[in-house]
Amino acid sequence: MYPKDYRYTKEHEWVKVDGSNGTVGITDYAQHELGDVVFVEMPKVGTQLKPRQSFGTIESVKAVSEIFSPVSGEVTETNPALADSPEMINKDPHGAAWLIKVRLADPKEAAGLMDAAAYEAYIAEKAKEHSA
């Protein structure tokens, strides 16, 4: 279910590294927890990010949640489609509904994040905690 070539954070963001560039979004688990997404606030191109730094918010019918960068680098692009169709996040969080693209400060940094198997184990553990 979670793309094997992505890396994941405990805050439910993902990054797909392609050379010195990264694409960042939120996971299917995150969009499911948020509910229907109605608005996304993103950073300006050129913004410098550090790991775990908030770079925007996602507003749903249930809550407003901060989005945290999984990596350090410079924002090179934001997803223009989300301005008109934020609900895309609910339909395709690992694909067309990416949030930002980043020129990575250190492409190896993402290796320290969870792989798909570790992330799936992490959210399974969270699900157990919620049902306990």
C-alpha atoms as a PDB file:
ATOM      1  CA  MET A   1       0.000   0.000   0.000  1.00  0.00           C
ATOM      2  CA  TYR A   2       2.848   2.416   0.814  1.00  0.00           C
ATOM      3  CA  PRO A   3       5.303   2.973  -2.056  1.00  0.00           C
ATOM      4  CA  LYS A   4       8.519   1.054  -1.342  1.00  0.00           C
ATOM      5  CA  ASP A   5      10.777   3.755  -2.828  1.00  0.00           C
ATOM      6  CA  TYR A   6       9.511   6.472  -0.449  1.00  0.00           C
ATOM      7  CA  ARG A   7      10.784   7.245   3.072  1.00  0.00           C
ATOM      8  CA  TYR A   8       8.386   8.086   5.911  1.00  0.00           C
ATOM      9  CA  THR A   9       8.264  10.114   9.144  1.00  0.00           C
ATOM     10  CA  LYS A  10       6.461   9.540  12.432  1.00  0.00           C
ATOM     11  CA  GLU A  11       4.501  12.726  11.636  1.00  0.00           C
ATOM     12  CA  HIS A  12       3.100  10.908   8.543  1.00  0.00           C
ATOM     13  CA  GLU A  13       4.926  12.727   5.764  1.00  0.00           C
ATOM     14  CA  TRP A  14       6.741  10.993   2.939  1.00  0.00           C
ATOM     15  CA  VAL A  15       9.642  11.931   0.688  1.00  0.00           C
ATOM     16  CA  LYS A  16      10.614  10.401  -2.626  1.00  0.00           C
ATOM     17  CA  VAL A  17      14.273  11.079  -3.388  1.00  0.00           C
ATOM     18  CA  ASP A  18      15.377  11.417  -7.008  1.00  0.00           C
ATOM     19  CA  GLY A  19      19.056  12.321  -7.108  1.00  0.00           C
ATOM     20  CA  SER A  20      19.420  15.696  -5.380  1.00  0.00           C
ATOM     21  CA  ASN A  21      15.679  16.410  -5.468  1.00  0.00           C
ATOM     22  CA  GLY A  22      12.852  15.257  -3.245  1.00  0.00           C
ATOM     23  CA  THR A  23       9.083  15.236  -3.550  1.00  0.00           C
ATOM     24  CA  VAL A  24       7.158  15.553  -0.263  1.00  0.00           C
ATOM     25  CA  GLY A  25       3.576  14.702   0.663  1.00  0.00           C
ATOM     26  CA  ILE A  26       1.451  13.250   3.436  1.00  0.00           C
ATOM     27  CA  THR A  27       0.664   9.571   3.787  1.00  0.00           C
ATOM     28  CA  ASP A  28      -2.596   7.763   3.186  1.00  0.00           C
ATOM     29  CA  TYR A  29      -2.785   7.207   6.953  1.00  0.00           C
ATOM     30  CA  ALA A  30      -2.554  10.983   7.532  1.00  0.00           C
ATOM     31  CA  GLN A  31      -5.235  11.880   4.995  1.00  0.00           C
ATOM     32  CA  HIS A  32      -7.518   9.197   6.473  1.00  0.00           C
ATOM     33  CA  GLU A  33      -7.024  10.597   9.995  1.00  0.00           C
ATOM     34  CA  LEU A  34      -7.684  14.160   8.783  1.00  0.00           C
ATOM     35  CA  GLY A  35     -10.892  13.408   6.906  1.00  0.00           C
ATOM     36  CA  ASP A  36     -12.070  15.568   4.010  1.00  0.00           C
ATOM     37  CA  VAL A  37      -9.318  18.064   3.150  1.00  0.00           C
ATOM     38  CA  VAL A  38     -10.653  21.535   2.292  1.00  0.00           C
ATOM     39  CA  PHE A  39      -7.538  23.763   2.197  1.00  0.00           C
ATOM     40  CA  VAL A  40      -3.753  23.486   1.980  1.00  0.00           C
ATOM     41  CA  GLU A  41      -1.309  26.248   2.899  1.00  0.00           C
ATOM     42  CA  MET A  42       2.178  25.792   1.479  1.00  0.00           C
ATOM     43  CA  PRO A  43       5.497  27.662   1.625  1.00  0.00           C
ATOM     44  CA  LYS A  44       6.863  30.016  -1.000  1.00  0.00           C
ATOM     45  CA  VAL A  45       9.351  28.717  -3.540  1.00  0.00           C
ATOM     46  CA  GLY A  46      12.829  29.451  -2.184  1.00  0.00           C
ATOM     47  CA  THR A  47      11.918  28.672   1.445  1.00  0.00           C
ATOM     48  CA  GLN A  48      14.747  26.867   3.256  1.00  0.00           C
ATOM     49  CA  LEU A  49      13.591  23.876   5.299  1.00  0.00           C
ATOM     50  CA  LYS A  50      15.147  21.785   8.043  1.00  0.00           C
ATOM     51  CA  PRO A  51      13.968  18.315   9.122  1.00  0.00           C
ATOM     52  CA  ARG A  52      10.858  18.399  11.342  1.00  0.00           C
ATOM     53  CA  GLN A  53      10.290  22.100  10.521  1.00  0.00           C
ATOM     54  CA  SER A  54       6.674  23.088   9.872  1.00  0.00           C
ATOM     55  CA  PHE A  55       6.222  24.331   6.319  1.00  0.00           C
ATOM     56  CA  GLY A  56       2.466  24.639   5.994  1.00  0.00           C
ATOM     57  CA  THR A  57      -0.933  23.434   7.115  1.00  0.00           C
ATOM     58  CA  ILE A  58      -3.660  21.134   5.900  1.00  0.00           C
ATOM     59  CA  GLU A  59      -7.206  22.031   6.881  1.00  0.00           C
ATOM     60  CA  SER A  60      -9.893  19.380   6.945  1.00  0.00           C
ATOM     61  CA  VAL A  61     -13.479  19.345   8.116  1.00  0.00           C
ATOM     62  CA  LYS A  62     -12.135  17.963  11.427  1.00  0.00           C
ATOM     63  CA  ALA A  63      -8.972  19.951  12.154  1.00  0.00           C
ATOM     64  CA  VAL A  64      -6.044  22.050  10.996  1.00  0.00           C
ATOM     65  CA  SER A  65      -2.754  20.141  11.041  1.00  0.00           C
ATOM     66  CA  GLU A  66       0.784  21.327  10.525  1.00  0.00           C
ATOM     67  CA  ILE A  67       2.910  19.696   7.834  1.00  0.00           C
ATOM     68  CA  PHE A  68       6.548  18.985   8.723  1.00  0.00           C
ATOM     69  CA  SER A  69       9.462  18.623   6.346  1.00  0.00           C
ATOM     70  CA  PRO A  70      11.068  15.178   6.392  1.00  0.00           C
ATOM     71  CA  VAL A  71      14.329  16.583   4.963  1.00  0.00           C
ATOM     72  CA  SER A  72      16.383  19.757   4.704  1.00  0.00           C
ATOM     73  CA  GLY A  73      16.595  21.745   1.516  1.00  0.00           C
ATOM     74  CA  GLU A  74      15.093  24.511  -0.584  1.00  0.00           C
ATOM     75  CA  VAL A  75      11.503  24.476  -1.839  1.00  0.00           C
ATOM     76  CA  THR A  76      11.663  24.518  -5.659  1.00  0.00           C
ATOM     77  CA  GLU A  77       7.989  23.940  -6.444  1.00  0.00           C
ATOM     78  CA  THR A  78       4.564  23.646  -4.805  1.00  0.00           C
ATOM     79  CA  ASN A  79       1.731  21.598  -6.264  1.00  0.00           C
ATOM     80  CA  PRO A  80      -0.492  24.124  -8.078  1.00  0.00           C
ATOM     81  CA  ALA A  81      -3.380  21.647  -8.437  1.00  0.00           C
ATOM     82  CA  LEU A  82      -3.988  21.636  -4.663  1.00  0.00           C
ATOM     83  CA  ALA A  83      -4.989  25.319  -4.616  1.00  0.00           C
ATOM     84  CA  ASP A  84      -8.154  24.521  -6.584  1.00  0.00           C
ATOM     85  CA  SER A  85      -8.567  20.871  -5.584  1.00  0.00           C
ATOM     86  CA  PRO A  86      -7.238  20.215  -2.058  1.00  0.00           C
ATOM     87  CA  GLU A  87      -9.480  17.143  -1.891  1.00  0.00           C
ATOM     88  CA  MET A  88      -6.965  15.432  -4.220  1.00  0.00           C
ATOM     89  CA  ILE A  89      -5.048  14.659  -1.013  1.00  0.00           C
ATOM     90  CA  ASN A  90      -7.864  12.315   0.011  1.00  0.00           C
ATOM     91  CA  LYS A  91      -7.851  10.554  -3.378  1.00  0.00           C
ATOM     92  CA  ASP A  92      -4.147  10.223  -4.262  1.00  0.00           C
ATOM     93  CA  PRO A  93      -1.889  11.188  -1.322  1.00  0.00           C
ATOM     94  CA  HIS A  94       1.111   9.218  -2.635  1.00  0.00           C
ATOM     95  CA  GLY A  95       0.831  10.429  -6.233  1.00  0.00           C
ATOM     96  CA  ALA A  96      -0.840  13.439  -7.844  1.00  0.00           C
ATOM     97  CA  ALA A  97      -1.396  15.157  -4.469  1.00  0.00           C
ATOM     98  CA  TRP A  98       2.276  15.689  -3.638  1.00  0.00           C
ATOM     99  CA  LEU A  99       2.789  18.939  -1.714  1.00  0.00           C
ATOM    100  CA  ILE A 100       6.242  20.331  -2.467  1.00  0.00           C
ATOM    101  CA  LYS A 101       9.438  19.587  -4.346  1.00  0.00           C
ATOM    102  CA  VAL A 102      12.730  20.273  -2.609  1.00  0.00           C
ATOM    103  CA  ARG A 103      16.364  20.608  -3.714  1.00  0.00           C
ATOM    104  CA  LEU A 104      17.909  18.429  -1.032  1.00  0.00           C
ATOM    105  CA  ALA A 105      20.696  19.812   1.145  1.00  0.00           C
ATOM    106  CA  ASP A 106      21.894  16.216   1.721  1.00  0.00           C
ATOM    107  CA  PRO A 107      20.335  13.461  -0.433  1.00  0.00           C
ATOM    108  CA  LYS A 108      21.574  10.820   2.060  1.00  0.00           C
ATOM    109  CA  GLU A 109      19.537  12.424   4.882  1.00  0.00           C
ATOM    110  CA  ALA A 110      16.354  10.594   3.824  1.00  0.00           C
ATOM    111  CA  ALA A 111      18.040   7.236   4.459  1.00  0.00           C
ATOM    112  CA  GLY A 112      17.550   7.896   8.186  1.00  0.00           C
ATOM    113  CA  LEU A 113      13.764   7.877   7.788  1.00  0.00           C
ATOM    114  CA  MET A 114      11.513   4.802   7.917  1.00  0.00           C
ATOM    115  CA  ASP A 115      11.131   2.621   4.860  1.00  0.00           C
ATOM    116  CA  ALA A 116       7.663   1.399   3.848  1.00  0.00           C
ATOM    117  CA  ALA A 117       7.821  -1.768   5.991  1.00  0.00           C
ATOM    118  CA  ALA A 118       8.909   0.160   9.089  1.00  0.00           C
ATOM    119  CA  TYR A 119       6.206   2.793   8.516  1.00  0.00           C
ATOM    120  CA  GLU A 120       3.511   0.141   8.092  1.00  0.00           C
ATOM    121  CA  ALA A 121       4.651  -1.466  11.377  1.00  0.00           C
ATOM    122  CA  TYR A 122       4.601   1.983  13.045  1.00  0.00           C
ATOM    123  CA  ILE A 123       1.022   2.764  12.008  1.00  0.00           C
ATOM    124  CA  ALA A 124      -0.118  -0.759  12.924  1.00  0.00           C
ATOM    125  CA  GLU A 125       1.285  -0.136  16.419  1.00  0.00           C
ATOM    126  CA  LYS A 126      -0.527   3.235  16.581  1.00  0.00           C
ATOM    127  CA  ALA A 127      -3.773   1.520  15.567  1.00  0.00           C
ATOM    128  CA  LYS A 128      -3.319  -0.958  18.437  1.00  0.00           C
ATOM    129  CA  GLU A 129      -2.775   1.912  20.892  1.00  0.00           C
ATOM    130  CA  HIS A 130      -5.989   3.622  19.703  1.00  0.00           C
ATOM    131  CA  SER A 131      -8.031   0.457  20.147  1.00  0.00           C
ATOM    132  CA  ALA A 132      -6.575  -0.349  23.585  1.00  0.00           C
END
